[in-house]
Amino acid sequence: MYNKSDIITKEKLDRLRAIREAEREESFKKLIPIIGEAAVAEVRKIYSAYDERMLIWYAGLWEPEIGGFYFSNSARDHEGFLPDLESTAQAVNFIGRQCGLVNDDRTGILAFPEKYQKKLSDFAYNLQDEDGYFYHPQWGKNVSVTRLGRDLGWAGSLLRPLGIEPKYLRPSERRKQGELSPSTPEHLLSIDNFKAWLSGLELDKKSYQIGNFIDSTSGQIIAAGQEYVDLLVEHLNATERPDNGLWEEKTTYQAVNGLMKIALNYPGFGAVLPYPEAAMNSAIAVIKSDVPITFACEVYNAWAAINSILISLDKAGESERAERLRRTFLNEAPELIRITGEKLMGTAVGDGSFAYFTAASGKTCPTSQGAPVALKGIREGDINGNGCSTRAPLSHMFSAFGVDIPPFFTRADAEFFFELLDARVPVPKVPVGHNS
């Protein structure tokens, strides 16, 4: 996997651990005046699970000949799989943000050395089709609308920070010029189509699936015009329940997952949920629930929903209301952080990485938005799952508390990571079904 044997040594790892522990402690001390000693003690427990093994695992998914990251080890090792935009952008953002190299996780590529910026941006640039969307050779064009929408965003995160314009106009830019891409979703072809689509949504039963669809295509909805945004917000507001702030009757992980996917877009829509207090109470209730989670997003989504509600209120000029809501759960910080950590540790794989599903669920993650990304039935860490189990939920949690997330790693760790990338050589692939 590496063409040098002197990179991962005991002396180097001991030095990195010493630097990491010292810098973490400095960050933890800054949290004490806001969340308290007991809460910081729980933070320390969570961070103790994040060590150099995670960096080694991330580096091992780099494909030097293509310039992207694989979803998981099984994808790297087997024929039929290639790096993808989502895994690549998520890995880049994780390293940049969690090594303290950049302050904005959308610009993680700026933390990479120039030679890697070139490889990463070339990878994204060359996946764009004339219709404006980005397609992967391993998947072709027969992919889901959510896969298309997400990859538009991920490609942008690898190109935009470097000032690189895509090869072709994006679908949103074509829309503004009155041109519809052949791959434009049917519900966005006309306002009548959009109204019909809205009327058929079963938010009271499938808020998570529908919310995911809205989140994955929100950029296209905004590009379609303000009338589309206004109709969507009006429909969502009218169907949100006043008793629990959700779109489903029962307060469950599933219903709060739906809240997150929808609430996450309210700041971008310039809107505020009608019942933020009820919605926040529901999110906190599922965080504290003693029902075991089956996948990481059941924790991540609750914190993301809380944070999105607070951001929406702040953007709407209701900062005092947001601060009142924040105070309602800040006193519970030690318990909330403890429960969050305990639930997230259920997705740990044992090699320093985390999976999307918990070990207890017995599930694995061979597809992403319908596209094949890994072997079936393999218990392994994956880039999406690792982010959903670590950086993503904690960044929203700390933001909800009103503090910055302490970086997991250090600049010295980043140098170590880039050393690993420099030494990476392609892994010989084996056919699916062979030694798997």
Protein backbone atom coordinates (compact mmCIF):
# COMPACT_ATOMS: atom_id res chain seq x y z
CA MET A 1 0.00 0.00 0.00
CA TYR A 2 2.91 2.36 0.72
CA ASN A 3 6.27 2.55 -1.04
CA LYS A 4 8.10 3.56 2.13
CA SER A 5 8.44 1.61 5.36
CA ASP A 6 9.72 4.42 7.56
CA ILE A 7 6.58 6.57 7.67
CA ILE A 8 4.59 4.70 10.30
CA THR A 9 7.08 4.26 13.15
CA LYS A 10 6.62 4.04 16.90
CA GLU A 11 8.73 7.15 17.47
CA LYS A 12 6.71 9.20 15.01
CA LEU A 13 3.36 8.00 16.35
CA ASP A 14 4.42 8.71 19.95
CA ARG A 15 5.42 12.25 18.97
CA LEU A 16 2.15 12.84 17.15
CA ARG A 17 0.13 11.58 20.12
CA ALA A 18 1.95 13.90 22.51
CA ILE A 19 1.31 16.93 20.28
CA ARG A 20 -2.30 15.90 19.76
CA GLU A 21 -3.06 15.44 23.45
CA ALA A 22 -1.51 18.79 24.36
CA GLU A 23 -3.44 20.69 21.68
CA ARG A 24 -6.69 18.93 22.50
CA GLU A 25 -6.36 19.90 26.15
CA GLU A 26 -5.91 23.54 25.19
CA SER A 27 -9.12 23.37 23.16
CA PHE A 28 -11.00 21.55 25.91
CA LYS A 29 -10.07 24.18 28.49
CA LYS A 30 -11.73 26.85 26.36
CA LEU A 31 -15.01 24.93 26.53
CA ILE A 32 -15.20 24.76 30.32
CA PRO A 33 -16.59 28.28 30.94
CA ILE A 34 -19.47 27.57 28.54
CA ILE A 35 -20.42 23.91 28.92
CA GLY A 36 -18.73 23.09 32.25
CA GLU A 37 -16.18 20.60 33.59
CA ALA A 38 -18.55 17.64 33.61
CA ALA A 39 -19.44 18.14 29.96
CA VAL A 40 -15.79 18.49 28.96
CA ALA A 41 -15.03 15.22 30.74
CA GLU A 42 -17.54 13.54 28.43
CA VAL A 43 -15.94 15.24 25.41
CA ARG A 44 -12.57 13.77 26.41
CA LYS A 45 -14.07 10.27 26.40
CA ILE A 46 -15.34 10.70 22.85
CA TYR A 47 -12.09 12.15 21.53
CA SER A 48 -10.07 9.29 23.02
CA ALA A 49 -11.47 7.11 20.19
CA TYR A 50 -10.00 9.35 17.49
CA ASP A 51 -6.35 8.50 16.87
CA GLU A 52 -3.78 8.15 14.08
CA ARG A 53 -5.39 4.93 12.88
CA MET A 54 -8.19 7.04 11.39
CA LEU A 55 -5.69 9.11 9.41
CA ILE A 56 -3.91 5.98 8.17
CA TRP A 57 -7.29 4.54 7.10
CA TYR A 58 -8.25 7.71 5.21
CA ALA A 59 -4.88 7.82 3.44
CA GLY A 60 -5.28 4.17 2.47
CA LEU A 61 -8.37 5.04 0.44
CA TRP A 62 -6.51 7.50 -1.79
CA GLU A 63 -6.16 6.40 -5.41
CA PRO A 64 -3.01 8.17 -6.69
CA GLU A 65 -3.57 7.38 -10.37
CA ILE A 66 -7.11 8.80 -10.42
CA GLY A 67 -6.87 11.57 -7.85
CA GLY A 68 -9.84 10.60 -5.68
CA PHE A 69 -10.81 8.63 -2.59
CA TYR A 70 -12.63 5.31 -2.46
CA PHE A 71 -15.72 4.84 -0.29
CA SER A 72 -14.17 1.96 1.68
CA ASN A 73 -11.45 -0.69 1.75
CA SER A 74 -13.56 -3.24 -0.10
CA ALA A 75 -14.14 -0.73 -2.92
CA ARG A 76 -10.42 -0.03 -3.13
CA ASP A 77 -9.52 -3.69 -3.23
CA HIS A 78 -12.08 -5.05 -5.71
CA GLU A 79 -12.78 -4.67 -9.40
CA GLY A 80 -15.85 -2.72 -10.42
CA PHE A 81 -15.34 0.09 -7.94
CA LEU A 82 -13.65 3.46 -8.39
CA PRO A 83 -13.26 6.64 -6.36
CA ASP A 84 -16.34 8.87 -6.25
CA LEU A 85 -16.98 12.58 -5.76
CA GLU A 86 -18.84 12.28 -2.47
CA SER A 87 -16.19 10.15 -0.78
CA THR A 88 -13.45 12.38 -2.17
CA ALA A 89 -15.00 15.67 -1.06
CA GLN A 90 -15.90 14.26 2.35
CA ALA A 91 -12.35 13.01 2.91
CA VAL A 92 -10.87 16.33 1.79
CA ASN A 93 -13.18 18.32 4.06
CA PHE A 94 -12.54 16.03 7.01
CA ILE A 95 -8.76 16.36 6.80
CA GLY A 96 -8.84 20.11 6.26
CA ARG A 97 -11.28 20.83 9.05
CA GLN A 98 -10.30 18.24 11.62
CA CYS A 99 -6.58 18.92 11.36
CA GLY A 100 -7.27 22.60 12.06
CA LEU A 101 -6.03 23.69 8.63
CA VAL A 102 -9.15 25.62 7.52
CA ASN A 103 -12.05 27.20 9.37
CA ASP A 104 -14.69 26.39 6.76
CA ASP A 105 -15.29 22.71 6.04
CA ARG A 106 -16.52 23.57 2.54
CA THR A 107 -13.01 24.73 1.60
CA GLY A 108 -11.05 21.73 2.81
CA ILE A 109 -9.28 21.39 -0.53
CA LEU A 110 -7.35 24.59 0.23
CA ALA A 111 -5.60 22.71 3.03
CA PHE A 112 -4.07 20.24 0.59
CA PRO A 113 -0.69 20.78 -1.10
CA GLU A 114 -0.99 22.23 -4.61
CA LYS A 115 -0.12 18.98 -6.37
CA TYR A 116 -3.09 17.33 -4.65
CA GLN A 117 -5.37 20.27 -5.35
CA LYS A 118 -4.58 19.73 -9.03
CA LYS A 119 -5.29 16.00 -8.91
CA LEU A 120 -8.51 16.43 -6.95
CA SER A 121 -9.88 19.23 -9.09
CA ASP A 122 -8.96 17.41 -12.31
CA PHE A 123 -10.82 14.36 -11.03
CA ALA A 124 -13.97 16.41 -10.46
CA TYR A 125 -13.64 18.54 -13.60
CA ASN A 126 -13.36 15.56 -15.93
CA LEU A 127 -16.50 13.86 -14.62
CA GLN A 128 -18.81 16.57 -15.93
CA ASP A 129 -21.05 15.84 -18.88
CA GLU A 130 -22.33 18.32 -21.46
CA ASP A 131 -25.70 18.38 -19.69
CA GLY A 132 -23.96 20.01 -16.71
CA TYR A 133 -24.20 17.06 -14.31
CA PHE A 134 -21.30 14.94 -13.05
CA TYR A 135 -21.30 11.23 -13.85
CA HIS A 136 -18.99 8.44 -12.72
CA PRO A 137 -17.71 5.81 -15.19
CA GLN A 138 -18.53 2.99 -12.75
CA TRP A 139 -22.19 4.08 -12.54
CA GLY A 140 -22.97 5.62 -15.90
CA LYS A 141 -25.99 7.91 -16.31
CA ASN A 142 -28.61 5.58 -14.86
CA VAL A 143 -28.41 7.05 -11.36
CA SER A 144 -30.94 8.51 -8.95
CA VAL A 145 -31.98 12.15 -8.86
CA THR A 146 -30.52 12.41 -5.35
CA ARG A 147 -27.20 10.97 -6.55
CA LEU A 148 -27.09 13.57 -9.34
CA GLY A 149 -27.97 16.42 -6.99
CA ARG A 150 -25.44 15.47 -4.35
CA ASP A 151 -22.62 15.04 -6.85
CA LEU A 152 -23.32 18.50 -8.25
CA GLY A 153 -22.66 19.91 -4.79
CA TRP A 154 -19.62 17.75 -4.08
CA ALA A 155 -18.00 18.64 -7.38
CA GLY A 156 -18.56 22.31 -6.62
CA SER A 157 -16.80 21.96 -3.27
CA LEU A 158 -13.69 20.65 -5.06
CA LEU A 159 -13.70 23.26 -7.83
CA ARG A 160 -15.18 26.48 -6.45
CA PRO A 161 -12.61 27.16 -3.68
CA LEU A 162 -9.83 26.99 -6.29
CA GLY A 163 -11.62 29.40 -8.60
CA ILE A 164 -12.07 26.71 -11.24
CA GLU A 165 -15.13 26.98 -13.44
CA PRO A 166 -16.72 23.69 -14.56
CA LYS A 167 -16.21 22.54 -18.13
CA TYR A 168 -19.89 23.19 -18.91
CA LEU A 169 -22.63 25.35 -17.43
CA ARG A 170 -24.22 23.88 -14.32
CA PRO A 171 -27.92 22.93 -14.58
CA SER A 172 -28.78 25.88 -12.31
CA GLU A 173 -27.01 28.28 -14.67
CA ARG A 174 -28.76 26.76 -17.65
CA ARG A 175 -32.05 27.24 -15.83
CA LYS A 176 -31.40 30.92 -15.31
CA GLN A 177 -30.80 31.24 -19.04
CA GLY A 178 -34.11 29.54 -19.76
CA GLU A 179 -32.53 26.25 -20.80
CA LEU A 180 -33.53 22.97 -19.19
CA SER A 181 -31.02 20.15 -18.96
CA PRO A 182 -32.23 16.76 -20.29
CA SER A 183 -31.60 15.42 -16.77
CA THR A 184 -33.72 18.08 -15.02
CA PRO A 185 -36.08 16.29 -12.60
CA GLU A 186 -39.64 16.11 -13.91
CA HIS A 187 -41.12 17.98 -10.96
CA LEU A 188 -38.95 20.99 -11.81
CA LEU A 189 -39.89 21.18 -15.47
CA SER A 190 -42.84 23.49 -14.74
CA ILE A 191 -44.64 25.12 -11.84
CA ASP A 192 -47.69 22.92 -12.49
CA ASN A 193 -45.50 19.82 -12.25
CA PHE A 194 -44.09 21.16 -9.01
CA LYS A 195 -47.54 21.77 -7.52
CA ALA A 196 -48.63 18.27 -8.49
CA TRP A 197 -45.48 16.84 -6.92
CA LEU A 198 -46.07 18.73 -3.68
CA SER A 199 -49.67 17.54 -3.46
CA GLY A 200 -48.55 13.93 -3.71
CA LEU A 201 -45.94 14.03 -0.94
CA GLU A 202 -46.63 11.72 2.00
CA LEU A 203 -44.71 13.72 4.56
CA ASP A 204 -46.75 12.22 7.39
CA LYS A 205 -45.36 8.78 6.53
CA LYS A 206 -42.06 9.33 4.69
CA SER A 207 -40.63 12.62 5.92
CA TYR A 208 -37.06 11.27 5.96
CA GLN A 209 -37.09 9.97 2.40
CA ILE A 210 -38.88 13.07 1.10
CA GLY A 211 -36.65 15.35 3.16
CA ASN A 212 -33.58 13.67 1.70
CA PHE A 213 -34.94 14.25 -1.80
CA ILE A 214 -35.57 17.93 -1.01
CA ASP A 215 -32.12 18.33 0.54
CA SER A 216 -30.35 16.64 -2.39
CA THR A 217 -32.13 18.83 -4.95
CA SER A 218 -32.48 22.07 -2.98
CA GLY A 219 -29.96 23.87 -5.18
CA GLN A 220 -31.99 22.99 -8.24
CA ILE A 221 -35.22 24.10 -6.55
CA ILE A 222 -33.68 27.47 -5.70
CA ALA A 223 -32.34 27.81 -9.23
CA ALA A 224 -35.82 27.09 -10.63
CA GLY A 225 -37.00 30.37 -9.12
CA GLN A 226 -38.42 32.01 -6.01
CA GLU A 227 -41.94 30.84 -6.85
CA TYR A 228 -40.79 27.23 -6.43
CA VAL A 229 -39.10 28.01 -3.10
CA ASP A 230 -42.15 29.90 -1.81
CA LEU A 231 -44.51 27.07 -2.75
CA LEU A 232 -42.26 24.48 -1.09
CA VAL A 233 -41.91 26.46 2.15
CA GLU A 234 -45.65 27.16 2.20
CA HIS A 235 -46.40 23.45 1.83
CA LEU A 236 -43.87 22.42 4.46
CA ASN A 237 -45.11 25.03 6.92
CA ALA A 238 -48.72 23.97 6.41
CA THR A 239 -47.97 20.29 7.01
CA GLU A 240 -45.61 20.62 10.00
CA ARG A 241 -47.34 19.46 13.16
CA PRO A 242 -47.69 22.05 15.94
CA ASP A 243 -47.64 19.42 18.72
CA ASN A 244 -44.16 18.01 18.02
CA GLY A 245 -42.71 20.23 15.27
CA LEU A 246 -42.40 17.20 12.98
CA TRP A 247 -44.26 15.97 9.93
CA GLU A 248 -45.12 12.62 11.46
CA GLU A 249 -47.34 11.87 14.42
CA LYS A 250 -44.85 9.95 16.56
CA THR A 251 -41.56 11.35 17.82
CA THR A 252 -39.13 8.75 16.51
CA TYR A 253 -35.64 8.67 15.01
CA GLN A 254 -37.26 8.40 11.58
CA ALA A 255 -39.42 11.48 12.11
CA VAL A 256 -36.53 13.56 13.48
CA ASN A 257 -34.39 12.42 10.55
CA GLY A 258 -37.04 13.99 8.36
CA LEU A 259 -36.94 17.15 10.45
CA MET A 260 -33.21 17.42 9.92
CA LYS A 261 -33.31 16.97 6.15
CA ILE A 262 -35.98 19.65 5.87
CA ALA A 263 -34.76 22.07 8.55
CA LEU A 264 -31.23 21.97 7.12
CA ASN A 265 -32.51 23.86 4.08
CA TYR A 266 -34.61 26.47 5.85
CA PRO A 267 -31.69 28.93 6.29
CA GLY A 268 -31.02 28.72 2.54
CA PHE A 269 -34.71 29.20 1.82
CA GLY A 270 -34.71 32.30 4.02
CA ALA A 271 -37.40 30.77 6.21
CA VAL A 272 -38.04 29.75 9.82
CA LEU A 273 -39.95 26.66 10.92
CA PRO A 274 -43.36 27.60 12.36
CA TYR A 275 -42.82 25.56 15.55
CA PRO A 276 -39.11 25.68 16.43
CA GLU A 277 -39.59 25.02 20.15
CA ALA A 278 -41.64 21.87 19.55
CA ALA A 279 -39.22 20.69 16.88
CA MET A 280 -36.23 21.18 19.16
CA ASN A 281 -37.93 19.33 22.02
CA SER A 282 -38.53 16.39 19.68
CA ALA A 283 -34.90 16.34 18.56
CA ILE A 284 -33.64 16.40 22.14
CA ALA A 285 -36.09 13.65 23.05
CA VAL A 286 -34.67 11.25 20.47
CA ILE A 287 -31.09 12.08 21.48
CA LYS A 288 -32.02 11.04 25.02
CA SER A 289 -34.11 8.07 23.88
CA ASP A 290 -33.08 4.66 25.20
CA VAL A 291 -34.08 3.05 21.89
CA PRO A 292 -30.82 1.80 20.30
CA ILE A 293 -29.79 3.51 17.07
CA THR A 294 -29.22 1.44 13.94
CA PHE A 295 -27.18 3.99 12.00
CA ALA A 296 -25.11 7.07 12.79
CA CYS A 297 -27.47 9.62 11.29
CA GLU A 298 -30.02 8.89 13.99
CA VAL A 299 -27.73 10.88 16.29
CA TYR A 300 -26.19 13.20 13.70
CA ASN A 301 -29.56 14.27 12.27
CA ALA A 302 -31.00 15.24 15.63
CA TRP A 303 -28.10 17.59 16.38
CA ALA A 304 -28.14 18.94 12.81
CA ALA A 305 -31.86 19.70 13.18
CA ILE A 306 -31.28 21.58 16.44
CA ASN A 307 -28.44 23.57 14.95
CA SER A 308 -30.40 24.39 11.79
CA ILE A 309 -33.30 25.69 13.86
CA LEU A 310 -30.99 28.01 15.78
CA ILE A 311 -29.28 29.21 12.59
CA SER A 312 -32.64 29.93 10.96
CA LEU A 313 -33.75 32.00 13.94
CA ASP A 314 -30.48 33.93 13.98
CA LYS A 315 -30.73 34.66 10.26
CA ALA A 316 -34.32 35.83 10.72
CA GLY A 317 -33.27 38.35 13.37
CA GLU A 318 -34.65 36.26 16.24
CA SER A 319 -31.35 35.76 18.07
CA GLU A 320 -32.90 36.23 21.51
CA ARG A 321 -35.38 33.45 20.78
CA ALA A 322 -32.52 31.25 19.58
CA GLU A 323 -30.55 31.96 22.75
CA ARG A 324 -33.54 31.09 24.93
CA LEU A 325 -33.82 27.76 23.13
CA ARG A 326 -30.10 27.14 23.53
CA ARG A 327 -30.33 27.68 27.28
CA THR A 328 -33.06 25.04 27.53
CA PHE A 329 -30.58 22.27 26.76
CA LEU A 330 -27.22 23.81 27.71
CA ASN A 331 -27.74 22.77 31.34
CA GLU A 332 -28.08 19.19 30.14
CA ALA A 333 -24.78 19.30 28.23
CA PRO A 334 -23.01 16.54 30.24
CA GLU A 335 -25.86 14.08 29.78
CA LEU A 336 -26.45 14.94 26.12
CA ILE A 337 -22.76 14.63 25.26
CA ARG A 338 -22.46 11.33 27.16
CA ILE A 339 -25.45 9.81 25.39
CA THR A 340 -24.27 11.11 22.02
CA GLY A 341 -20.84 9.56 22.49
CA GLU A 342 -22.19 6.22 23.68
CA LYS A 343 -24.56 5.93 20.72
CA LEU A 344 -21.95 6.93 18.15
CA MET A 345 -19.42 4.41 19.47
CA GLY A 346 -21.80 1.69 18.33
CA THR A 347 -20.65 2.34 14.75
CA ALA A 348 -16.93 1.88 15.53
CA VAL A 349 -15.31 -0.84 13.43
CA GLY A 350 -12.18 -1.46 15.51
CA ASP A 351 -9.52 -0.25 13.08
CA GLY A 352 -9.84 3.44 13.93
CA SER A 353 -12.65 4.02 11.44
CA PHE A 354 -16.42 4.15 11.80
CA ALA A 355 -19.23 2.70 9.70
CA TYR A 356 -22.64 4.06 8.79
CA PHE A 357 -24.57 1.28 10.54
CA THR A 358 -24.02 0.01 14.07
CA ALA A 359 -22.51 -3.41 14.59
CA ALA A 360 -25.65 -4.46 16.48
CA SER A 361 -27.86 -3.70 13.48
CA GLY A 362 -26.12 -6.35 11.36
CA LYS A 363 -26.40 -4.04 8.35
CA THR A 364 -23.72 -2.87 5.95
CA CYS A 365 -23.62 -0.09 3.35
CA PRO A 366 -22.98 -1.37 -0.19
CA THR A 367 -24.82 1.50 -1.91
CA SER A 368 -25.02 5.28 -1.65
CA GLN A 369 -28.14 6.99 -3.01
CA GLY A 370 -28.72 3.83 -5.01
CA ALA A 371 -25.22 3.61 -6.52
CA PRO A 372 -22.91 0.66 -5.66
CA VAL A 373 -19.96 1.81 -3.55
CA ALA A 374 -18.74 -1.27 -1.64
CA LEU A 375 -19.06 -5.03 -1.36
CA LYS A 376 -22.21 -6.37 0.26
CA GLY A 377 -22.05 -7.89 3.70
CA ILE A 378 -18.64 -6.50 4.69
CA ARG A 379 -18.38 -4.91 8.14
CA GLU A 380 -16.02 -2.01 7.44
CA GLY A 381 -15.56 1.70 7.89
CA ASP A 382 -16.68 3.95 5.06
CA ILE A 383 -15.98 7.63 4.42
CA ASN A 384 -19.61 8.70 4.63
CA GLY A 385 -20.23 6.64 7.75
CA ASN A 386 -17.02 7.84 9.39
CA GLY A 387 -18.05 11.46 8.88
CA CYS A 388 -21.62 10.81 10.04
CA SER A 389 -20.28 9.10 13.18
CA THR A 390 -17.66 11.69 14.13
CA ARG A 391 -17.18 15.14 12.63
CA ALA A 392 -20.72 15.77 11.39
CA PRO A 393 -22.72 15.18 14.58
CA LEU A 394 -20.12 16.77 16.83
CA SER A 395 -19.77 19.89 14.69
CA HIS A 396 -23.54 20.46 14.92
CA MET A 397 -23.59 19.60 18.61
CA PHE A 398 -20.84 22.06 19.53
CA SER A 399 -22.36 24.72 17.28
CA ALA A 400 -25.71 24.24 19.01
CA PHE A 401 -23.94 24.79 22.35
CA GLY A 402 -22.50 28.00 20.93
CA VAL A 403 -18.85 26.89 20.75
CA ASP A 404 -16.40 25.80 18.05
CA ILE A 405 -15.70 22.10 17.65
CA PRO A 406 -12.18 21.25 18.88
CA PRO A 407 -10.17 19.74 15.99
CA PHE A 408 -9.64 16.00 16.28
CA PHE A 409 -6.12 16.25 14.92
CA THR A 410 -3.26 18.72 14.50
CA ARG A 411 -1.13 20.26 11.78
CA ALA A 412 1.55 17.72 12.63
CA ASP A 413 -1.04 15.00 11.99
CA ALA A 414 -1.82 16.63 8.63
CA GLU A 415 1.86 16.52 7.65
CA PHE A 416 1.86 12.83 8.55
CA PHE A 417 -1.27 12.30 6.44
CA PHE A 418 0.28 13.99 3.40
CA GLU A 419 3.40 11.87 3.86
CA LEU A 420 1.17 8.83 3.64
CA LEU A 421 -0.44 10.15 0.45
CA ASP A 422 2.99 10.75 -1.07
CA ALA A 423 3.90 7.14 -0.43
CA ARG A 424 0.66 5.58 -1.68
CA VAL A 425 0.81 3.12 -4.55
CA PRO A 426 -2.26 1.56 -6.22
CA VAL A 427 -3.58 -1.64 -4.67
CA PRO A 428 -3.89 -4.58 -7.10
CA LYS A 429 -7.60 -5.28 -7.41
CA VAL A 430 -9.19 -8.70 -7.24
CA PRO A 431 -12.46 -9.77 -8.91
CA VAL A 432 -15.60 -9.54 -6.79
CA GLY A 433 -16.19 -12.90 -5.15
CA HIS A 434 -12.48 -13.74 -5.00
CA ASN A 435 -11.11 -13.78 -1.44
CA SER A 436 -14.05 -11.63 -0.34
